[in-house]
Amino acid sequence: MASIALHNIRKSYGNLPVIHGVDVDIQDGEFIVLVGPSGCGKSTLLRMIAGLETISGGRLSIGGRMVNDLPSKERDIAMVFQSYALYPHLTVAENMGFSLKLRGTAKDEIGHRVQSAAKTLALEPYLDRLPRLLSGGQRQRVAMGRAIVRDAKVFLFDEPLSNLDAKLRVAMRAEIKELHQRLKITTVYVTHDQTEAMTMADRIVVMRDGIVEQIGTPLEIYDRPATTFVAGFIGMPAMNLLRGRIQADAPSIFRTESGVAMPLSLSPGTADPGEELIYGIRPEQFVIADEGTPAKVVVVEPTGADTQVVARIGEENVNMLFRERIAVRPGNTIRFALRAASDHLFSVATGRRLSIAGA
């Protein structure tokens, strides 16, 4: 096991910069998830850690040793790819032990390690099968087993579940997390799926356009998003972001551009009443209230346990998520209130979060 330190890491392709001075310190045994939209640089960053991409600037250390110019095979890392990358003509056992065979490891030692990894991953019945005879989840476990037998200090996962169906992704998320809890190997996991990030990570690194927007535990990032990008990206449905201003004669009221009044838990002096701001409220913070603010229902999406509603307040549509079944239809008017101290406030100019009482 080993810590990983990225200090001012940069990457350019010719004159095109794609990673802009990333700083991340990953502790020994930590499970870190790099998350962000396609093209944000997360896979490029992972490949630089793996030694599959050159580093244009900065310092990368694994286990306290600078590895900027160290070949991938000497970094003591194991990588699991989206495509599984299994040899179709080799059995499961041969795939899992192939890297050890290339190193010249003794046959008995290879067999012992493969059997141990197969037991850990419940692959013992499939060791003599070819990859084409396995399900997607079983192939992914073989790819993980190939990483385990190497006894590496760092595991790198590059969107390993994106080829699986929704039900299998949920099961494999639990398997990977449980495996990490047992092996305690430093893990860096790349995904564009914020649900994977929230459910698996010890800490999340949210990226956009080659920069780090925020680093924190899943709940820290969910409860206190540092920017409007993080606020809109983390959470399903996404946080509602409404433009407007603090009401000059009532500092506890935020008035949207279309004139709707929203309660504000703002610390005194945080922002000027005339300053244009962005008000954030998560969909689950809405509650039905007989004396509340009216909203016209646009779309109703019952999911069984929850009811998602798109409603129009003033001139804006907002997402609402109710933790119960409600009997409403498009065109109905509902009245809502907000849970106490559940709002977020951001600067329009910078997109950065402003301090709010109790948040």
Protein backbone atom coordinates (compact mmCIF):
# COMPACT_ATOMS: atom_id res chain seq x y z
CA MET A 1 0.00 0.00 0.00
CA ALA A 2 1.15 3.58 -0.61
CA SER A 3 0.10 7.20 -0.54
CA ILE A 4 -0.12 9.24 -3.77
CA ALA A 5 0.75 12.93 -4.00
CA LEU A 6 -0.03 15.10 -7.01
CA HIS A 7 1.46 18.59 -6.81
CA ASN A 8 0.75 21.15 -9.55
CA ILE A 9 0.31 18.38 -12.12
CA ARG A 10 -0.12 19.70 -15.66
CA LYS A 11 -0.64 18.08 -19.03
CA SER A 12 -0.54 19.56 -22.53
CA TYR A 13 -0.87 18.05 -25.97
CA GLY A 14 1.37 20.31 -28.02
CA ASN A 15 0.13 23.83 -27.32
CA LEU A 16 -3.19 22.62 -25.92
CA PRO A 17 -3.26 22.44 -22.08
CA VAL A 18 -5.76 19.90 -20.72
CA ILE A 19 -4.76 19.56 -17.04
CA HIS A 20 -4.13 22.85 -15.24
CA GLY A 21 -2.10 22.45 -12.05
CA VAL A 22 -3.90 19.72 -10.09
CA ASP A 23 -3.07 19.20 -6.39
CA VAL A 24 -4.39 16.08 -4.64
CA ASP A 25 -2.95 14.17 -1.67
CA ILE A 26 -4.25 10.59 -1.39
CA GLN A 27 -3.67 8.77 1.89
CA ASP A 28 -2.43 5.20 2.23
CA GLY A 29 -5.43 2.87 1.91
CA GLU A 30 -7.86 5.60 0.83
CA PHE A 31 -10.56 5.13 -1.83
CA ILE A 32 -10.57 8.27 -3.99
CA VAL A 33 -13.05 8.84 -6.81
CA LEU A 34 -12.31 11.27 -9.65
CA VAL A 35 -15.65 12.41 -11.02
CA GLY A 36 -16.74 14.87 -13.66
CA PRO A 37 -18.33 15.14 -17.10
CA SER A 38 -16.75 13.65 -20.21
CA GLY A 39 -13.65 15.57 -21.25
CA CYS A 40 -12.92 17.01 -17.80
CA GLY A 41 -9.48 15.34 -17.62
CA LYS A 42 -10.16 12.64 -15.03
CA SER A 43 -9.04 9.70 -17.19
CA THR A 44 -5.98 11.65 -18.37
CA LEU A 45 -5.04 12.25 -14.73
CA LEU A 46 -5.49 8.55 -13.94
CA ARG A 47 -3.33 7.57 -16.91
CA MET A 48 -0.58 9.90 -15.70
CA ILE A 49 -0.65 8.17 -12.31
CA ALA A 50 -0.43 4.84 -14.16
CA GLY A 51 2.48 5.98 -16.31
CA LEU A 52 0.48 5.65 -19.53
CA GLU A 53 0.63 9.42 -20.18
CA THR A 54 3.66 11.67 -19.80
CA ILE A 55 3.49 14.51 -17.27
CA SER A 56 4.06 17.99 -18.72
CA GLY A 57 4.71 19.64 -15.36
CA GLY A 58 4.48 19.19 -11.60
CA ARG A 59 5.45 16.34 -9.31
CA LEU A 60 3.82 12.91 -8.92
CA SER A 61 4.87 10.72 -5.99
CA ILE A 62 3.78 7.19 -5.04
CA GLY A 63 4.82 5.97 -1.61
CA GLY A 64 7.02 9.04 -1.18
CA ARG A 65 9.00 8.31 -4.36
CA MET A 66 8.84 10.68 -7.34
CA VAL A 67 7.67 8.67 -10.35
CA ASN A 68 7.29 11.32 -13.09
CA ASP A 69 9.70 9.54 -15.41
CA LEU A 70 9.36 6.02 -14.01
CA PRO A 71 7.98 3.39 -16.45
CA SER A 72 4.52 2.06 -15.67
CA LYS A 73 5.79 -1.44 -14.84
CA GLU A 74 8.02 -0.05 -12.10
CA ARG A 75 5.31 1.96 -10.29
CA ASP A 76 3.79 -1.04 -8.47
CA ILE A 77 0.28 -0.23 -9.65
CA ALA A 78 -2.51 -2.37 -11.12
CA MET A 79 -5.15 -0.98 -13.46
CA VAL A 80 -8.67 -2.19 -14.27
CA PHE A 81 -10.03 -0.89 -17.58
CA GLN A 82 -13.53 -0.22 -18.84
CA SER A 83 -13.09 -2.83 -21.59
CA TYR A 84 -11.82 -5.58 -19.21
CA ALA A 85 -8.86 -6.16 -21.59
CA LEU A 86 -8.97 -9.96 -21.22
CA TYR A 87 -7.18 -12.30 -23.61
CA PRO A 88 -10.00 -14.21 -25.38
CA HIS A 89 -7.91 -17.36 -26.00
CA LEU A 90 -6.80 -17.74 -22.37
CA THR A 91 -8.83 -19.22 -19.53
CA VAL A 92 -9.83 -17.21 -16.48
CA ALA A 93 -6.91 -18.67 -14.51
CA GLU A 94 -4.46 -17.94 -17.33
CA ASN A 95 -5.74 -14.37 -17.68
CA MET A 96 -5.39 -13.75 -13.96
CA GLY A 97 -1.87 -15.16 -13.80
CA PHE A 98 -0.55 -13.81 -17.11
CA SER A 99 1.34 -10.81 -15.71
CA LEU A 100 3.01 -13.04 -13.11
CA LYS A 101 4.05 -15.45 -15.85
CA LEU A 102 5.67 -12.59 -17.79
CA ARG A 103 7.65 -11.69 -14.67
CA GLY A 104 8.99 -15.21 -14.41
CA THR A 105 7.12 -16.04 -11.20
CA ALA A 106 7.24 -19.71 -10.23
CA LYS A 107 4.31 -21.79 -11.47
CA ASP A 108 3.32 -22.90 -7.95
CA GLU A 109 3.31 -19.30 -6.73
CA ILE A 110 1.15 -18.22 -9.68
CA GLY A 111 -1.31 -21.01 -8.91
CA HIS A 112 -1.46 -20.05 -5.24
CA ARG A 113 -2.09 -16.38 -5.96
CA VAL A 114 -4.71 -17.11 -8.63
CA GLN A 115 -6.57 -19.50 -6.31
CA SER A 116 -6.49 -16.96 -3.49
CA ALA A 117 -7.82 -14.16 -5.71
CA ALA A 118 -10.45 -16.45 -7.23
CA LYS A 119 -11.71 -17.32 -3.75
CA THR A 120 -11.86 -13.64 -2.80
CA LEU A 121 -13.89 -12.83 -5.93
CA ALA A 122 -16.05 -16.01 -6.03
CA LEU A 123 -14.46 -17.06 -9.34
CA GLU A 124 -13.35 -20.57 -8.37
CA PRO A 125 -16.03 -22.35 -10.50
CA TYR A 126 -14.95 -20.41 -13.60
CA LEU A 127 -11.16 -20.77 -13.62
CA ASP A 128 -11.16 -23.12 -16.63
CA ARG A 129 -13.61 -21.08 -18.71
CA LEU A 130 -12.81 -18.70 -21.56
CA PRO A 131 -13.93 -15.05 -21.21
CA ARG A 132 -16.63 -15.40 -23.89
CA LEU A 133 -18.46 -17.87 -21.62
CA LEU A 134 -18.71 -15.37 -18.76
CA SER A 135 -21.22 -12.63 -17.98
CA GLY A 136 -20.18 -8.98 -17.95
CA GLY A 137 -19.96 -8.96 -14.16
CA GLN A 138 -17.84 -12.11 -14.11
CA ARG A 139 -15.46 -10.66 -16.70
CA GLN A 140 -15.08 -7.54 -14.58
CA ARG A 141 -14.25 -9.70 -11.56
CA VAL A 142 -11.60 -11.49 -13.63
CA ALA A 143 -10.08 -8.12 -14.52
CA MET A 144 -10.08 -7.25 -10.80
CA GLY A 145 -8.54 -10.63 -10.00
CA ARG A 146 -5.72 -9.96 -12.44
CA ALA A 147 -4.99 -6.79 -10.50
CA ILE A 148 -5.16 -8.52 -7.12
CA VAL A 149 -2.67 -11.28 -7.97
CA ARG A 150 -0.02 -8.69 -8.76
CA ASP A 151 -0.01 -7.65 -5.09
CA ALA A 152 0.23 -4.01 -6.18
CA LYS A 153 0.34 -1.05 -3.81
CA VAL A 154 -2.20 0.99 -5.80
CA PHE A 155 -5.36 0.03 -7.71
CA LEU A 156 -6.52 2.27 -10.57
CA PHE A 157 -10.03 1.85 -12.00
CA ASP A 158 -10.98 3.59 -15.26
CA GLU A 159 -14.82 3.61 -15.49
CA PRO A 160 -14.95 -0.16 -14.90
CA LEU A 161 -18.75 -0.43 -14.66
CA SER A 162 -19.85 1.66 -17.63
CA ASN A 163 -20.44 -1.40 -19.84
CA LEU A 164 -22.75 -3.11 -17.33
CA ASP A 165 -26.52 -2.81 -17.00
CA ALA A 166 -27.99 -0.78 -14.14
CA LYS A 167 -28.75 -3.69 -11.81
CA LEU A 168 -25.31 -5.23 -12.26
CA ARG A 169 -23.61 -1.86 -11.72
CA VAL A 170 -25.23 -1.61 -8.30
CA ALA A 171 -24.05 -5.11 -7.38
CA MET A 172 -20.51 -4.50 -8.65
CA ARG A 173 -20.28 -1.19 -6.78
CA ALA A 174 -20.90 -3.08 -3.57
CA GLU A 175 -18.37 -5.78 -4.51
CA ILE A 176 -15.60 -3.28 -5.29
CA LYS A 177 -16.25 -1.32 -2.09
CA GLU A 178 -16.32 -4.49 0.01
CA LEU A 179 -13.11 -5.68 -1.64
CA HIS A 180 -11.40 -2.40 -0.79
CA GLN A 181 -12.53 -2.62 2.82
CA ARG A 182 -10.89 -6.05 3.09
CA LEU A 183 -7.69 -5.39 1.16
CA LYS A 184 -7.15 -1.74 2.27
CA ILE A 185 -5.28 -0.96 -0.95
CA THR A 186 -4.98 2.67 -2.05
CA THR A 187 -7.52 3.04 -4.84
CA VAL A 188 -8.16 5.75 -7.44
CA TYR A 189 -11.43 5.26 -9.29
CA VAL A 190 -12.60 7.29 -12.31
CA THR A 191 -16.27 7.69 -13.21
CA HIS A 192 -18.68 10.21 -14.74
CA ASP A 193 -21.49 8.72 -12.63
CA GLN A 194 -22.00 10.86 -9.53
CA THR A 195 -24.01 8.06 -7.85
CA GLU A 196 -20.95 5.80 -8.05
CA ALA A 197 -18.84 8.58 -6.59
CA MET A 198 -21.23 9.24 -3.70
CA THR A 199 -21.68 5.59 -2.73
CA MET A 200 -18.10 4.34 -3.08
CA ALA A 201 -15.65 7.12 -2.18
CA ASP A 202 -13.88 7.98 1.03
CA ARG A 203 -13.29 11.32 -0.69
CA ILE A 204 -14.39 12.71 -4.05
CA VAL A 205 -12.37 14.89 -6.41
CA VAL A 206 -14.79 16.83 -8.63
CA MET A 207 -13.16 17.95 -11.88
CA ARG A 208 -14.13 20.28 -14.71
CA ASP A 209 -12.07 21.38 -17.73
CA GLY A 210 -8.80 20.07 -16.29
CA ILE A 211 -9.08 21.71 -12.88
CA VAL A 212 -10.24 20.50 -9.46
CA GLU A 213 -13.47 22.19 -8.41
CA GLN A 214 -13.69 20.59 -4.95
CA ILE A 215 -12.25 17.77 -2.82
CA GLY A 216 -14.14 16.34 0.14
CA THR A 217 -16.13 13.46 1.56
CA PRO A 218 -19.36 12.64 -0.28
CA LEU A 219 -21.52 14.34 2.34
CA GLU A 220 -19.25 17.40 2.56
CA ILE A 221 -19.55 17.92 -1.18
CA TYR A 222 -23.30 17.28 -1.17
CA ASP A 223 -24.04 19.51 1.82
CA ARG A 224 -21.55 22.31 1.07
CA PRO A 225 -20.82 22.48 -2.68
CA ALA A 226 -18.00 24.95 -3.29
CA THR A 227 -19.24 26.14 -6.68
CA THR A 228 -22.36 26.22 -8.82
CA PHE A 229 -20.79 23.53 -11.01
CA VAL A 230 -20.42 21.12 -8.08
CA ALA A 231 -23.92 22.04 -6.85
CA GLY A 232 -25.43 21.19 -10.22
CA PHE A 233 -23.34 18.10 -10.89
CA ILE A 234 -23.58 16.27 -7.55
CA GLY A 235 -27.10 15.19 -6.69
CA MET A 236 -29.95 13.51 -8.55
CA PRO A 237 -32.13 15.34 -9.42
CA ALA A 238 -29.75 18.28 -9.64
CA MET A 239 -29.86 21.24 -7.29
CA ASN A 240 -32.12 24.07 -8.43
CA LEU A 241 -30.10 27.23 -9.15
CA LEU A 242 -32.14 30.44 -9.36
CA ARG A 243 -30.83 33.93 -10.12
CA GLY A 244 -31.97 36.93 -8.16
CA ARG A 245 -31.12 39.30 -5.30
CA ILE A 246 -31.54 39.66 -1.57
CA GLN A 247 -34.57 41.83 -0.86
CA ALA A 248 -33.28 45.22 0.33
CA ASP A 249 -35.89 45.74 3.04
CA ALA A 250 -35.96 42.08 4.13
CA PRO A 251 -32.50 40.42 4.32
CA SER A 252 -34.08 37.05 5.08
CA ILE A 253 -35.78 36.98 1.67
CA PHE A 254 -34.19 36.12 -1.69
CA ARG A 255 -36.26 37.33 -4.61
CA THR A 256 -35.77 35.52 -7.91
CA GLU A 257 -35.61 37.34 -11.24
CA SER A 258 -39.28 36.52 -11.81
CA GLY A 259 -40.24 37.96 -8.39
CA VAL A 260 -40.75 34.79 -6.33
CA ALA A 261 -39.74 35.17 -2.66
CA MET A 262 -37.59 32.37 -1.20
CA PRO A 263 -36.49 32.18 2.48
CA LEU A 264 -32.81 32.89 3.05
CA SER A 265 -30.54 31.70 5.88
CA LEU A 266 -27.85 34.28 5.17
CA SER A 267 -25.15 35.33 7.61
CA PRO A 268 -25.25 39.15 8.08
CA GLY A 269 -22.89 41.02 5.76
CA THR A 270 -22.20 38.05 3.49
CA ALA A 271 -23.58 39.81 0.40
CA ASP A 272 -24.98 43.21 -0.55
CA PRO A 273 -28.74 43.39 -1.14
CA GLY A 274 -28.19 44.75 -4.66
CA GLU A 275 -25.70 42.08 -5.73
CA GLU A 276 -26.88 39.55 -8.28
CA LEU A 277 -26.63 36.08 -6.75
CA ILE A 278 -27.54 32.46 -7.38
CA TYR A 279 -29.84 30.76 -4.89
CA GLY A 280 -29.52 26.98 -4.61
CA ILE A 281 -32.07 24.58 -3.18
CA ARG A 282 -32.00 20.79 -3.42
CA PRO A 283 -35.17 19.07 -4.69
CA GLU A 284 -35.71 17.08 -1.48
CA GLN A 285 -35.87 20.29 0.60
CA PHE A 286 -39.36 21.12 -0.71
CA VAL A 287 -42.34 20.11 1.44
CA ILE A 288 -46.05 20.41 0.80
CA ALA A 289 -47.54 23.23 2.90
CA ASP A 290 -51.18 24.40 2.81
CA GLU A 291 -50.17 28.02 3.41
CA GLY A 292 -47.00 27.91 1.30
CA THR A 293 -45.88 29.43 -2.01
CA PRO A 294 -47.97 28.31 -5.02
CA ALA A 295 -46.40 26.39 -7.91
CA LYS A 296 -47.96 24.90 -11.03
CA VAL A 297 -47.18 21.24 -11.70
CA VAL A 298 -45.57 20.63 -15.10
CA VAL A 299 -44.39 17.01 -14.91
CA VAL A 300 -44.97 14.21 -12.37
CA GLU A 301 -42.57 11.24 -12.22
CA PRO A 302 -43.58 8.62 -9.63
CA THR A 303 -40.68 6.27 -8.85
CA GLY A 304 -42.40 4.11 -6.24
CA ALA A 305 -40.79 5.25 -3.00
CA ASP A 306 -40.49 8.90 -4.14
CA THR A 307 -42.37 11.32 -6.34
CA GLN A 308 -40.38 13.69 -8.56
CA VAL A 309 -42.19 16.81 -9.67
CA VAL A 310 -41.20 19.56 -12.06
CA ALA A 311 -43.15 22.66 -11.06
CA ARG A 312 -43.21 26.23 -12.29
CA ILE A 313 -42.78 29.06 -9.82
CA GLY A 314 -42.91 32.49 -11.40
CA GLU A 315 -41.12 32.10 -14.72
CA GLU A 316 -38.83 29.23 -13.68
CA ASN A 317 -39.13 25.46 -13.54
CA VAL A 318 -37.82 23.77 -10.40
CA ASN A 319 -37.25 20.12 -9.53
CA MET A 320 -38.99 18.86 -6.38
CA LEU A 321 -38.52 15.46 -4.77
CA PHE A 322 -41.10 14.29 -2.24
CA ARG A 323 -40.37 11.28 -0.03
CA GLU A 324 -43.96 10.12 -0.25
CA ARG A 325 -46.58 9.51 -2.90
CA ILE A 326 -48.60 12.59 -3.71
CA ALA A 327 -51.72 12.67 -5.88
CA VAL A 328 -51.01 15.52 -8.30
CA ARG A 329 -51.23 15.87 -12.04
CA PRO A 330 -49.75 18.28 -14.61
CA GLY A 331 -51.72 21.52 -14.44
CA ASN A 332 -52.49 21.21 -10.71
CA THR A 333 -51.35 23.91 -8.30
CA ILE A 334 -49.47 22.85 -5.19
CA ARG A 335 -48.22 24.97 -2.30
CA PHE A 336 -44.76 24.40 -0.91
CA ALA A 337 -42.42 25.48 1.86
CA LEU A 338 -38.72 24.77 2.38
CA ARG A 339 -36.98 22.95 5.19
CA ALA A 340 -35.17 25.26 7.61
CA ALA A 341 -31.63 26.43 6.67
CA SER A 342 -31.62 24.30 3.52
CA ASP A 343 -30.58 26.98 1.02
CA HIS A 344 -27.24 27.72 -0.65
CA LEU A 345 -25.97 30.99 -2.06
CA PHE A 346 -23.37 31.55 -4.79
CA SER A 347 -21.76 34.56 -6.46
CA VAL A 348 -22.79 35.08 -10.07
CA ALA A 349 -19.40 36.66 -10.82
CA THR A 350 -17.23 33.81 -9.52
CA GLY A 351 -19.60 30.88 -9.14
CA ARG A 352 -18.17 30.38 -5.63
CA ARG A 353 -20.21 29.56 -2.56
CA LEU A 354 -21.03 32.27 0.01
CA SER A 355 -21.37 31.56 3.73
CA ILE A 356 -24.86 30.75 4.95
CA ALA A 357 -25.94 30.38 8.56
CA GLY A 358 -26.05 26.74 9.66
CA ALA A 359 -24.42 25.46 6.47
